């Protein structure tokens, strides 16, 4: 399972309301939802500066981590964060 670190974030009220609602819809904790957003959007912004080999290796590593997080209990239950 991926390791986690506790941090404190400040979000404007509107963003927090949207994030909580989206997390609820996805069946995730707010923490798990925000982690997913960071992976998705930061990776998308950084990917173009990597070589093709670096992109492929990083894609494989992220997929492996996602698989561990989504199915970490060996019964097909999603991680909650």
PDB file of N, CA and C in Angstrom:
ATOM      1  N   UNK A   1       0.847  -1.171   0.000  1.00  0.00           N
ATOM      2  CA  UNK A   1       0.000   0.000   0.000  1.00  0.00           C
ATOM      3  C   UNK A   1       0.892   1.234   0.000  1.00  0.00           C
ATOM      4  N   UNK A   2       0.425   2.274  -0.649  1.00  0.00           N
ATOM      5  CA  UNK A   2       1.182   3.522  -0.704  1.00  0.00           C
ATOM      6  C   UNK A   2       1.267   4.144   0.684  1.00  0.00           C
ATOM      7  N   UNK A   3       2.361   4.822   0.936  1.00  0.00           N
ATOM      8  CA  UNK A   3       2.503   5.500   2.219  1.00  0.00           C
ATOM      9  C   UNK A   3       1.789   6.844   2.161  1.00  0.00           C
ATOM     10  N   UNK A   4       1.414   7.347   3.304  1.00  0.00           N
ATOM     11  CA  UNK A   4       0.742   8.645   3.362  1.00  0.00           C
ATOM     12  C   UNK A   4       1.451   9.535   4.359  1.00  0.00           C
ATOM     13  N   UNK A   5       1.229  10.825   4.202  1.00  0.00           N
ATOM     14  CA  UNK A   5       1.765  11.818   5.119  1.00  0.00           C
ATOM     15  C   UNK A   5       0.642  12.798   5.430  1.00  0.00           C
ATOM     16  N   UNK A   6       0.466  13.106   6.677  1.00  0.00           N
ATOM     17  CA  UNK A   6      -0.588  14.035   7.081  1.00  0.00           C
ATOM     18  C   UNK A   6      -0.111  15.467   6.852  1.00  0.00           C
ATOM     19  N   UNK A   7      -0.919  16.247   6.123  1.00  0.00           N
ATOM     20  CA  UNK A   7      -0.627  17.646   5.875  1.00  0.00           C
ATOM     21  C   UNK A   7      -1.899  18.458   6.103  1.00  0.00           C
ATOM     22  N   UNK A   8      -1.737  19.738   6.230  1.00  0.00           N
ATOM     23  CA  UNK A   8      -2.866  20.635   6.397  1.00  0.00           C
ATOM     24  C   UNK A   8      -2.945  21.535   5.172  1.00  0.00           C
ATOM     25  N   UNK A   9      -4.132  21.632   4.587  1.00  0.00           N
ATOM     26  CA  UNK A   9      -4.351  22.494   3.424  1.00  0.00           C
ATOM     27  C   UNK A   9      -5.435  23.503   3.740  1.00  0.00           C
ATOM     28  N   UNK A  10      -5.339  24.658   3.139  1.00  0.00           N
ATOM     29  CA  UNK A  10      -6.397  25.653   3.244  1.00  0.00           C
ATOM     30  C   UNK A  10      -7.040  25.790   1.872  1.00  0.00           C
ATOM     31  N   UNK A  11      -8.346  25.597   1.823  1.00  0.00           N
ATOM     32  CA  UNK A  11      -9.102  25.722   0.570  1.00  0.00           C
ATOM     33  C   UNK A  11     -10.185  26.762   0.765  1.00  0.00           C
ATOM     34  N   UNK A  12     -10.508  27.470  -0.305  1.00  0.00           N
ATOM     35  CA  UNK A  12     -11.632  28.384  -0.170  1.00  0.00           C
ATOM     36  C   UNK A  12     -12.901  27.554  -0.016  1.00  0.00           C
ATOM     37  N   UNK A  13     -13.911  28.126   0.585  1.00  0.00           N
ATOM     38  CA  UNK A  13     -15.128  27.394   0.926  1.00  0.00           C
ATOM     39  C   UNK A  13     -15.769  26.735  -0.283  1.00  0.00           C
ATOM     40  N   UNK A  14     -15.822  27.430  -1.394  1.00  0.00           N
ATOM     41  CA  UNK A  14     -16.435  26.873  -2.601  1.00  0.00           C
ATOM     42  C   UNK A  14     -15.689  25.643  -3.097  1.00  0.00           C
ATOM     43  N   UNK A  15     -14.364  25.710  -3.106  1.00  0.00           N
ATOM     44  CA  UNK A  15     -13.561  24.569  -3.552  1.00  0.00           C
ATOM     45  C   UNK A  15     -13.740  23.384  -2.611  1.00  0.00           C
ATOM     46  N   UNK A  16     -13.803  23.649  -1.324  1.00  0.00           N
ATOM     47  CA  UNK A  16     -13.973  22.582  -0.348  1.00  0.00           C
ATOM     48  C   UNK A  16     -15.329  21.900  -0.501  1.00  0.00           C
ATOM     49  N   UNK A  17     -16.366  22.679  -0.702  1.00  0.00           N
ATOM     50  CA  UNK A  17     -17.707  22.111  -0.909  1.00  0.00           C
ATOM     51  C   UNK A  17     -17.710  21.215  -2.140  1.00  0.00           C
ATOM     52  N   UNK A  18     -17.121  21.705  -3.231  1.00  0.00           N
ATOM     53  CA  UNK A  18     -17.065  20.906  -4.460  1.00  0.00           C
ATOM     54  C   UNK A  18     -16.251  19.629  -4.272  1.00  0.00           C
ATOM     55  N   UNK A  19     -15.125  19.746  -3.609  1.00  0.00           N
ATOM     56  CA  UNK A  19     -14.258  18.577  -3.398  1.00  0.00           C
ATOM     57  C   UNK A  19     -14.954  17.537  -2.525  1.00  0.00           C
ATOM     58  N   UNK A  20     -15.600  17.964  -1.471  1.00  0.00           N
ATOM     59  CA  UNK A  20     -16.312  17.016  -0.602  1.00  0.00           C
ATOM     60  C   UNK A  20     -17.429  16.304  -1.359  1.00  0.00           C
ATOM     61  N   UNK A  21     -18.163  17.050  -2.155  1.00  0.00           N
ATOM     62  CA  UNK A  21     -19.270  16.457  -2.932  1.00  0.00           C
ATOM     63  C   UNK A  21     -18.728  15.474  -3.961  1.00  0.00           C
ATOM     64  N   UNK A  22     -17.663  15.855  -4.658  1.00  0.00           N
ATOM     65  CA  UNK A  22     -17.081  14.965  -5.658  1.00  0.00           C
ATOM     66  C   UNK A  22     -16.534  13.700  -5.004  1.00  0.00           C
ATOM     67  N   UNK A  23     -15.889  13.831  -3.853  1.00  0.00           N
ATOM     68  CA  UNK A  23     -15.367  12.667  -3.133  1.00  0.00           C
ATOM     69  C   UNK A  23     -16.505  11.734  -2.736  1.00  0.00           C
ATOM     70  N   UNK A  24     -17.599  12.324  -2.264  1.00  0.00           N
ATOM     71  CA  UNK A  24     -18.767  11.522  -1.883  1.00  0.00           C
ATOM     72  C   UNK A  24     -19.315  10.754  -3.078  1.00  0.00           C
ATOM     73  N   UNK A  25     -19.425  11.420  -4.208  1.00  0.00           N
ATOM     74  CA  UNK A  25     -19.926  10.772  -5.424  1.00  0.00           C
ATOM     75  C   UNK A  25     -19.027   9.613  -5.836  1.00  0.00           C
ATOM     76  N   UNK A  26     -17.711   9.802  -5.696  1.00  0.00           N
ATOM     77  CA  UNK A  26     -16.743   8.762  -6.073  1.00  0.00           C
ATOM     78  C   UNK A  26     -16.630   7.665  -5.013  1.00  0.00           C
ATOM     79  N   UNK A  27     -17.216   7.879  -3.851  1.00  0.00           N
ATOM     80  CA  UNK A  27     -17.123   6.896  -2.786  1.00  0.00           C
ATOM     81  C   UNK A  27     -15.763   6.889  -2.112  1.00  0.00           C
ATOM     82  N   UNK A  28     -15.115   8.045  -2.082  1.00  0.00           N
ATOM     83  CA  UNK A  28     -13.782   8.167  -1.505  1.00  0.00           C
ATOM     84  C   UNK A  28     -13.790   9.154  -0.351  1.00  0.00           C
ATOM     85  N   UNK A  29     -12.776   9.054   0.479  1.00  0.00           N
ATOM     86  CA  UNK A  29     -12.586  10.079   1.495  1.00  0.00           C
ATOM     87  C   UNK A  29     -12.091  11.343   0.787  1.00  0.00           C
ATOM     88  N   UNK A  30     -12.201  12.468   1.461  1.00  0.00           N
ATOM     89  CA  UNK A  30     -11.696  13.715   0.898  1.00  0.00           C
ATOM     90  C   UNK A  30     -10.197  13.603   0.620  1.00  0.00           C
ATOM     91  N   UNK A  31      -9.465  12.973   1.532  1.00  0.00           N
ATOM     92  CA  UNK A  31      -8.017  12.810   1.354  1.00  0.00           C
ATOM     93  C   UNK A  31      -7.694  11.988   0.107  1.00  0.00           C
ATOM     94  N   UNK A  32      -8.383  10.870  -0.058  1.00  0.00           N
ATOM     95  CA  UNK A  32      -8.138  10.021  -1.226  1.00  0.00           C
ATOM     96  C   UNK A  32      -8.498  10.759  -2.514  1.00  0.00           C
ATOM     97  N   UNK A  33      -9.592  11.499  -2.483  1.00  0.00           N
ATOM     98  CA  UNK A  33     -10.009  12.258  -3.665  1.00  0.00           C
ATOM     99  C   UNK A  33      -8.970  13.321  -4.035  1.00  0.00           C
ATOM    100  N   UNK A  34      -8.502  14.064  -3.035  1.00  0.00           N
ATOM    101  CA  UNK A  34      -7.510  15.105  -3.307  1.00  0.00           C
ATOM    102  C   UNK A  34      -6.197  14.502  -3.797  1.00  0.00           C
ATOM    103  N   UNK A  35      -5.800  13.360  -3.245  1.00  0.00           N
ATOM    104  CA  UNK A  35      -4.590  12.684  -3.724  1.00  0.00           C
ATOM    105  C   UNK A  35      -4.722  12.326  -5.201  1.00  0.00           C
ATOM    106  N   UNK A  36      -5.889  11.821  -5.564  1.00  0.00           N
ATOM    107  CA  UNK A  36      -6.136  11.473  -6.962  1.00  0.00           C
ATOM    108  C   UNK A  36      -6.065  12.687  -7.874  1.00  0.00           C
ATOM    109  N   UNK A  37      -6.619  13.809  -7.432  1.00  0.00           N
ATOM    110  CA  UNK A  37      -6.553  15.036  -8.223  1.00  0.00           C
ATOM    111  C   UNK A  37      -5.114  15.475  -8.461  1.00  0.00           C
ATOM    112  N   UNK A  38      -4.328  15.429  -7.417  1.00  0.00           N
ATOM    113  CA  UNK A  38      -2.925  15.840  -7.542  1.00  0.00           C
ATOM    114  C   UNK A  38      -2.209  14.945  -8.545  1.00  0.00           C
ATOM    115  N   UNK A  39      -2.382  13.639  -8.404  1.00  0.00           N
ATOM    116  CA  UNK A  39      -1.727  12.714  -9.337  1.00  0.00           C
ATOM    117  C   UNK A  39      -2.143  12.997 -10.774  1.00  0.00           C
ATOM    118  N   UNK A  40      -3.440  13.180 -10.970  1.00  0.00           N
ATOM    119  CA  UNK A  40      -3.960  13.379 -12.326  1.00  0.00           C
ATOM    120  C   UNK A  40      -3.488  14.700 -12.939  1.00  0.00           C
ATOM    121  N   UNK A  41      -3.674  15.781 -12.244  1.00  0.00           N
ATOM    122  CA  UNK A  41      -3.409  17.083 -12.836  1.00  0.00           C
ATOM    123  C   UNK A  41      -1.948  17.503 -12.808  1.00  0.00           C
ATOM    124  N   UNK A  42      -1.245  17.193 -11.747  1.00  0.00           N
ATOM    125  CA  UNK A  42       0.178  17.545 -11.709  1.00  0.00           C
ATOM    126  C   UNK A  42       0.937  16.692 -12.705  1.00  0.00           C
ATOM    127  N   UNK A  43       0.602  15.417 -12.776  1.00  0.00           N
ATOM    128  CA  UNK A  43       1.264  14.536 -13.751  1.00  0.00           C
ATOM    129  C   UNK A  43       1.012  15.047 -15.164  1.00  0.00           C
ATOM    130  N   UNK A  44      -0.203  15.459 -15.458  1.00  0.00           N
ATOM    131  CA  UNK A  44      -0.519  15.958 -16.795  1.00  0.00           C
ATOM    132  C   UNK A  44       0.323  17.186 -17.136  1.00  0.00           C
ATOM    133  N   UNK A  45       0.614  18.023 -16.150  1.00  0.00           N
ATOM    134  CA  UNK A  45       1.398  19.227 -16.422  1.00  0.00           C
ATOM    135  C   UNK A  45       2.895  18.935 -16.519  1.00  0.00           C
ATOM    136  N   UNK A  46       3.367  17.875 -15.863  1.00  0.00           N
ATOM    137  CA  UNK A  46       4.791  17.549 -15.873  1.00  0.00           C
ATOM    138  C   UNK A  46       5.182  16.580 -16.979  1.00  0.00           C
ATOM    139  N   UNK A  47       4.241  15.783 -17.436  1.00  0.00           N
ATOM    140  CA  UNK A  47       4.531  14.729 -18.403  1.00  0.00           C
ATOM    141  C   UNK A  47       5.235  15.233 -19.665  1.00  0.00           C
ATOM    142  N   UNK A  48       4.837  16.360 -20.239  1.00  0.00           N
ATOM    143  CA  UNK A  48       5.476  16.795 -21.489  1.00  0.00           C
ATOM    144  C   UNK A  48       6.977  17.076 -21.384  1.00  0.00           C
ATOM    145  N   UNK A  49       7.510  17.310 -20.186  1.00  0.00           N
ATOM    146  CA  UNK A  49       8.931  17.630 -20.083  1.00  0.00           C
ATOM    147  C   UNK A  49       9.812  16.396 -19.907  1.00  0.00           C
ATOM    148  N   UNK A  50       9.199  15.204 -19.825  1.00  0.00           N
ATOM    149  CA  UNK A  50       9.959  13.973 -19.674  1.00  0.00           C
ATOM    150  C   UNK A  50      10.256  13.355 -21.038  1.00  0.00           C
ATOM    151  N   UNK A  51      11.310  12.544 -21.086  1.00  0.00           N
ATOM    152  CA  UNK A  51      11.591  11.784 -22.306  1.00  0.00           C
ATOM    153  C   UNK A  51      10.541  10.686 -22.440  1.00  0.00           C
ATOM    154  N   UNK A  52      10.439  10.081 -23.600  1.00  0.00           N
ATOM    155  CA  UNK A  52       9.470   9.003 -23.825  1.00  0.00           C
ATOM    156  C   UNK A  52       9.715   7.842 -22.861  1.00  0.00           C
ATOM    157  N   UNK A  53      10.981   7.490 -22.625  1.00  0.00           N
ATOM    158  CA  UNK A  53      11.299   6.401 -21.688  1.00  0.00           C
ATOM    159  C   UNK A  53      10.897   6.762 -20.265  1.00  0.00           C
ATOM    160  N   UNK A  54      11.158   8.005 -19.855  1.00  0.00           N
ATOM    161  CA  UNK A  54      10.767   8.453 -18.516  1.00  0.00           C
ATOM    162  C   UNK A  54       9.245   8.444 -18.369  1.00  0.00           C
ATOM    163  N   UNK A  55       8.532   8.867 -19.415  1.00  0.00           N
ATOM    164  CA  UNK A  55       7.074   8.866 -19.385  1.00  0.00           C
ATOM    165  C   UNK A  55       6.537   7.448 -19.216  1.00  0.00           C
ATOM    166  N   UNK A  56       7.076   6.512 -19.976  1.00  0.00           N
ATOM    167  CA  UNK A  56       6.616   5.124 -19.906  1.00  0.00           C
ATOM    168  C   UNK A  56       6.877   4.531 -18.524  1.00  0.00           C
ATOM    169  N   UNK A  57       8.061   4.752 -17.986  1.00  0.00           N
ATOM    170  CA  UNK A  57       8.414   4.223 -16.663  1.00  0.00           C
ATOM    171  C   UNK A  57       7.517   4.820 -15.583  1.00  0.00           C
ATOM    172  N   UNK A  58       7.293   6.109 -15.642  1.00  0.00           N
ATOM    173  CA  UNK A  58       6.450   6.765 -14.648  1.00  0.00           C
ATOM    174  C   UNK A  58       5.003   6.299 -14.775  1.00  0.00           C
ATOM    175  N   UNK A  59       4.508   6.139 -16.001  1.00  0.00           N
ATOM    176  CA  UNK A  59       3.155   5.604 -16.200  1.00  0.00           C
ATOM    177  C   UNK A  59       3.008   4.238 -15.546  1.00  0.00           C
ATOM    178  N   UNK A  60       4.012   3.377 -15.720  1.00  0.00           N
ATOM    179  CA  UNK A  60       3.967   2.036 -15.125  1.00  0.00           C
ATOM    180  C   UNK A  60       3.968   2.109 -13.601  1.00  0.00           C
ATOM    181  N   UNK A  61       4.790   2.978 -13.047  1.00  0.00           N
ATOM    182  CA  UNK A  61       4.858   3.110 -11.587  1.00  0.00           C
ATOM    183  C   UNK A  61       3.544   3.637 -11.012  1.00  0.00           C
ATOM    184  N   UNK A  62       2.957   4.633 -11.657  1.00  0.00           N
ATOM    185  CA  UNK A  62       1.691   5.192 -11.187  1.00  0.00           C
ATOM    186  C   UNK A  62       0.585   4.154 -11.287  1.00  0.00           C
ATOM    187  N   UNK A  63       0.556   3.397 -12.374  1.00  0.00           N
ATOM    188  CA  UNK A  63      -0.456   2.350 -12.527  1.00  0.00           C
ATOM    189  C   UNK A  63      -0.327   1.308 -11.422  1.00  0.00           C
ATOM    190  N   UNK A  64       0.903   0.928 -11.077  1.00  0.00           N
ATOM    191  CA  UNK A  64       1.123  -0.055 -10.009  1.00  0.00           C
ATOM    192  C   UNK A  64       0.651   0.500  -8.667  1.00  0.00           C
ATOM    193  N   UNK A  65       0.947   1.766  -8.389  1.00  0.00           N
ATOM    194  CA  UNK A  65       0.490   2.384  -7.135  1.00  0.00           C
ATOM    195  C   UNK A  65      -1.029   2.486  -7.095  1.00  0.00           C
ATOM    196  N   UNK A  66      -1.636   2.865  -8.224  1.00  0.00           N
ATOM    197  CA  UNK A  66      -3.092   2.950  -8.278  1.00  0.00           C
ATOM    198  C   UNK A  66      -3.722   1.593  -8.018  1.00  0.00           C
ATOM    199  N   UNK A  67      -3.150   0.546  -8.588  1.00  0.00           N
ATOM    200  CA  UNK A  67      -3.669  -0.799  -8.380  1.00  0.00           C
ATOM    201  C   UNK A  67      -3.594  -1.185  -6.900  1.00  0.00           C
ATOM    202  N   UNK A  68      -2.497  -0.858  -6.253  1.00  0.00           N
ATOM    203  CA  UNK A  68      -2.349  -1.152  -4.825  1.00  0.00           C
ATOM    204  C   UNK A  68      -3.378  -0.387  -3.999  1.00  0.00           C
ATOM    205  N   UNK A  69      -3.588   0.876  -4.339  1.00  0.00           N
ATOM    206  CA  UNK A  69      -4.515   1.706  -3.569  1.00  0.00           C
ATOM    207  C   UNK A  69      -5.960   1.290  -3.787  1.00  0.00           C
ATOM    208  N   UNK A  70      -6.315   0.948  -5.026  1.00  0.00           N
ATOM    209  CA  UNK A  70      -7.700   0.617  -5.323  1.00  0.00           C
ATOM    210  C   UNK A  70      -8.100  -0.755  -4.807  1.00  0.00           C
ATOM    211  N   UNK A  71      -7.178  -1.669  -4.765  1.00  0.00           N
ATOM    212  CA  UNK A  71      -7.528  -3.050  -4.412  1.00  0.00           C
ATOM    213  C   UNK A  71      -6.658  -3.566  -3.276  1.00  0.00           C
ATOM    214  N   UNK A  72      -6.317  -2.698  -2.347  1.00  0.00           N
ATOM    215  CA  UNK A  72      -5.367  -3.063  -1.310  1.00  0.00           C
ATOM    216  C   UNK A  72      -5.851  -4.119  -0.340  1.00  0.00           C
ATOM    217  N   UNK A  73      -7.123  -4.399  -0.281  1.00  0.00           N
ATOM    218  CA  UNK A  73      -7.589  -5.392   0.683  1.00  0.00           C
ATOM    219  C   UNK A  73      -7.747  -6.776   0.054  1.00  0.00           C
ATOM    220  N   UNK A  74      -7.376  -6.936  -1.189  1.00  0.00           N
ATOM    221  CA  UNK A  74      -7.429  -8.214  -1.910  1.00  0.00           C
ATOM    222  C   UNK A  74      -8.851  -8.715  -2.148  1.00  0.00           C
ATOM    223  N   UNK A  75      -9.848  -7.909  -1.794  1.00  0.00           N
ATOM    224  CA  UNK A  75     -11.247  -8.298  -1.999  1.00  0.00           C
ATOM    225  C   UNK A  75     -11.940  -7.366  -2.982  1.00  0.00           C
ATOM    226  N   UNK A  76     -11.191  -6.475  -3.602  1.00  0.00           N
ATOM    227  CA  UNK A  76     -11.778  -5.580  -4.583  1.00  0.00           C
ATOM    228  C   UNK A  76     -12.431  -4.346  -4.029  1.00  0.00           C
ATOM    229  N   UNK A  77     -12.168  -4.014  -2.762  1.00  0.00           N
ATOM    230  CA  UNK A  77     -12.726  -2.794  -2.194  1.00  0.00           C
ATOM    231  C   UNK A  77     -11.772  -1.633  -2.422  1.00  0.00           C
ATOM    232  N   UNK A  78     -12.319  -0.490  -2.733  1.00  0.00           N
ATOM    233  CA  UNK A  78     -11.499   0.695  -2.936  1.00  0.00           C
ATOM    234  C   UNK A  78     -10.942   1.186  -1.612  1.00  0.00           C
ATOM    235  N   UNK A  79      -9.715   1.697  -1.678  1.00  0.00           N
ATOM    236  CA  UNK A  79      -9.131   2.333  -0.496  1.00  0.00           C
ATOM    237  C   UNK A  79      -9.903   3.598  -0.181  1.00  0.00           C
ATOM    238  N   UNK A  80     -10.012   3.940   1.071  1.00  0.00           N
ATOM    239  CA  UNK A  80     -10.769   5.124   1.450  1.00  0.00           C
ATOM    240  C   UNK A  80      -9.883   6.283   1.840  1.00  0.00           C
ATOM    241  N   UNK A  81      -8.625   6.134   1.742  1.00  0.00           N
ATOM    242  CA  UNK A  81      -7.781   7.288   1.928  1.00  0.00           C
ATOM    243  C   UNK A  81      -6.847   7.233   3.048  1.00  0.00           C
TER     244      UNK A  81
END
